[in-house]
Amino acid sequence: MHKRIIHFFWSNRLQFVRYFFVGVSGAVIDIGTLILFKDQFGWNPTLSVVLNQLLIIAYNFNLNKYWSFKNRELPHKQFVRYMILVGGNYLLAITIMYFFNEILGFDAVFVRIFSIGLSVAWNFPLFRKWVYKERHVYNSIDPKEGIGYNE
């Protein structure tokens, strides 16, 4: 099992490096907006996470789609799959922030870094195999053969 995981990441290392860069830059924006909203605007940390995630969703979807995974399919179905995955991450991030920051009193930035780390662990394989997986491959432009697609 470990060898399969290592092989998966090694054989997809360029995509992973791009995905990692998008993730790190997204995390910097995420933490930066959390601090801005919380410290400069005086907003509640949970509300800050609720709002900054909307920015991060758009940023990460577009960079991962077009740069990390170089996917050119129409984005509507991918965006639905992306939102299902991100929706789970979003609910987890809000729950973790509420529980660890507001109930247990941990630092909001530390809690956010922790929740980002959790979601990164499962996002790359799911992005690669489910969200941005090319579903259709163009087969032919020969009018006699028709236009075919493979699943």
Protein backbone atom coordinates (compact mmCIF):
# COMPACT_ATOMS: atom_id res chain seq x y z
CA MET A 1 0.00 0.00 0.00
CA HIS A 2 2.78 2.47 0.91
CA LYS A 3 4.63 1.65 -2.31
CA ARG A 4 1.52 2.44 -4.36
CA ILE A 5 1.13 5.80 -2.63
CA ILE A 6 4.81 6.64 -3.14
CA HIS A 7 4.62 5.54 -6.80
CA PHE A 8 1.47 7.63 -7.34
CA PHE A 9 3.12 10.79 -6.00
CA TRP A 10 6.46 10.12 -7.72
CA SER A 11 4.88 9.49 -11.13
CA ASN A 12 2.83 12.67 -10.75
CA ARG A 13 5.55 14.78 -9.15
CA LEU A 14 5.39 17.72 -11.60
CA GLN A 15 1.64 18.02 -11.12
CA PHE A 16 2.15 17.63 -7.39
CA VAL A 17 4.76 20.41 -7.32
CA ARG A 18 2.36 22.73 -9.16
CA TYR A 19 -0.51 21.65 -6.89
CA PHE A 20 1.73 22.21 -3.87
CA PHE A 21 2.68 25.71 -5.09
CA VAL A 22 -0.99 26.60 -5.62
CA GLY A 23 -1.75 25.19 -2.19
CA VAL A 24 1.06 27.08 -0.44
CA SER A 25 0.20 30.36 -2.17
CA GLY A 26 -3.47 29.74 -1.40
CA ALA A 27 -2.58 29.06 2.24
CA VAL A 28 -0.64 32.34 2.41
CA ILE A 29 -3.65 34.18 1.00
CA ASP A 30 -5.92 32.21 3.34
CA ILE A 31 -3.91 33.01 6.48
CA GLY A 32 -3.34 36.59 5.33
CA THR A 33 -7.05 37.24 4.84
CA LEU A 34 -7.84 35.50 8.14
CA ILE A 35 -5.45 37.85 9.96
CA LEU A 36 -6.74 40.86 7.99
CA PHE A 37 -10.40 40.09 8.69
CA LYS A 38 -9.82 39.12 12.32
CA ASP A 39 -7.22 41.65 13.45
CA GLN A 40 -7.79 44.65 11.18
CA PHE A 41 -11.56 44.43 10.69
CA GLY A 42 -12.27 42.93 14.14
CA TRP A 43 -14.36 40.08 12.77
CA ASN A 44 -14.95 36.80 14.59
CA PRO A 45 -12.42 34.10 13.48
CA THR A 46 -15.17 31.70 12.39
CA LEU A 47 -16.84 34.40 10.26
CA SER A 48 -13.43 35.30 8.85
CA VAL A 49 -12.90 31.69 7.71
CA VAL A 50 -16.40 31.58 6.24
CA LEU A 51 -15.64 34.63 4.07
CA ASN A 52 -12.02 34.03 3.16
CA GLN A 53 -12.85 30.55 1.89
CA LEU A 54 -14.94 32.09 -0.88
CA LEU A 55 -11.81 33.83 -2.18
CA ILE A 56 -9.68 30.72 -1.84
CA ILE A 57 -12.22 28.53 -3.67
CA ALA A 58 -12.07 30.67 -6.81
CA TYR A 59 -8.28 31.06 -6.64
CA ASN A 60 -7.49 27.37 -6.13
CA PHE A 61 -10.05 26.04 -8.63
CA ASN A 62 -8.75 28.13 -11.50
CA LEU A 63 -5.04 27.69 -10.85
CA ASN A 64 -5.32 23.95 -10.28
CA LYS A 65 -7.57 23.42 -13.30
CA TYR A 66 -5.54 25.35 -15.83
CA TRP A 67 -2.01 25.18 -14.45
CA SER A 68 -1.54 22.23 -12.08
CA PHE A 69 -3.64 19.68 -13.95
CA LYS A 70 -3.66 21.43 -17.37
CA ASN A 71 -7.27 20.49 -17.86
CA ARG A 72 -9.15 22.04 -20.78
CA GLU A 73 -12.58 20.49 -20.38
CA LEU A 74 -15.54 22.74 -19.83
CA PRO A 75 -15.47 23.61 -16.15
CA HIS A 76 -19.11 23.18 -15.15
CA LYS A 77 -19.00 19.48 -14.18
CA GLN A 78 -15.56 19.85 -12.68
CA PHE A 79 -16.70 22.82 -10.67
CA VAL A 80 -19.54 20.73 -9.23
CA ARG A 81 -17.10 17.94 -8.24
CA TYR A 82 -14.68 20.57 -6.92
CA MET A 83 -17.41 22.18 -4.84
CA ILE A 84 -18.41 18.82 -3.34
CA LEU A 85 -14.82 18.23 -2.24
CA VAL A 86 -14.26 21.82 -1.17
CA GLY A 87 -17.63 21.87 0.57
CA GLY A 88 -16.46 19.03 2.78
CA ASN A 89 -13.18 20.84 3.44
CA TYR A 90 -15.10 24.07 4.10
CA LEU A 91 -17.40 22.48 6.68
CA LEU A 92 -14.42 20.79 8.28
CA ALA A 93 -12.47 24.08 8.43
CA ILE A 94 -15.36 25.93 10.07
CA THR A 95 -16.01 23.10 12.53
CA ILE A 96 -12.33 22.86 13.46
CA MET A 97 -12.07 26.65 13.86
CA TYR A 98 -15.15 26.78 16.06
CA PHE A 99 -14.17 23.83 18.23
CA PHE A 100 -10.45 24.48 18.66
CA ASN A 101 -10.54 28.29 18.72
CA GLU A 102 -13.83 29.28 20.27
CA ILE A 103 -14.35 26.34 22.62
CA LEU A 104 -10.80 25.23 23.48
CA GLY A 105 -9.11 28.62 23.00
CA PHE A 106 -6.31 27.68 20.60
CA ASP A 107 -4.81 30.44 18.42
CA ALA A 108 -6.90 30.97 15.25
CA VAL A 109 -3.90 31.01 12.89
CA PHE A 110 -2.52 27.78 14.37
CA VAL A 111 -5.95 26.15 14.05
CA ARG A 112 -6.26 27.27 10.42
CA ILE A 113 -2.83 25.90 9.51
CA PHE A 114 -3.80 22.60 11.14
CA SER A 115 -7.07 22.34 9.18
CA ILE A 116 -5.33 23.24 5.90
CA GLY A 117 -2.81 20.46 6.54
CA LEU A 118 -5.59 17.96 7.05
CA SER A 119 -7.34 18.79 3.81
CA VAL A 120 -4.11 18.82 1.76
CA ALA A 121 -3.56 15.18 2.70
CA TRP A 122 -6.53 13.92 0.67
CA ASN A 123 -7.06 16.70 -1.87
CA PHE A 124 -4.29 15.93 -4.40
CA PRO A 125 -5.37 12.35 -5.15
CA LEU A 126 -9.01 13.40 -5.32
CA PHE A 127 -8.23 16.37 -7.58
CA ARG A 128 -6.18 14.20 -9.92
CA LYS A 129 -8.44 11.16 -10.04
CA TRP A 130 -11.88 12.72 -9.67
CA VAL A 131 -12.19 16.49 -10.02
CA TYR A 132 -9.83 17.27 -12.92
CA LYS A 133 -9.70 13.83 -14.54
CA GLU A 134 -10.13 14.15 -18.28
CA ARG A 135 -13.39 12.36 -18.97
CA HIS A 136 -13.51 12.65 -22.78
CA VAL A 137 -10.76 12.16 -25.30
CA TYR A 138 -11.30 13.41 -28.82
CA ASN A 139 -10.94 10.46 -31.22
CA SER A 140 -11.57 11.53 -34.77
CA ILE A 141 -12.41 14.37 -37.07
CA ASP A 142 -13.04 12.09 -40.04
CA PRO A 143 -16.66 12.74 -41.15
CA LYS A 144 -17.01 9.09 -42.24
CA GLU A 145 -16.17 7.90 -38.75
CA GLY A 146 -18.14 10.58 -36.97
CA ILE A 147 -16.99 12.32 -33.89
CA GLY A 148 -16.26 9.91 -31.10
CA TYR A 149 -15.46 10.25 -27.46
CA ASN A 150 -13.98 7.78 -25.05
CA GLU A 151 -14.90 7.67 -21.40
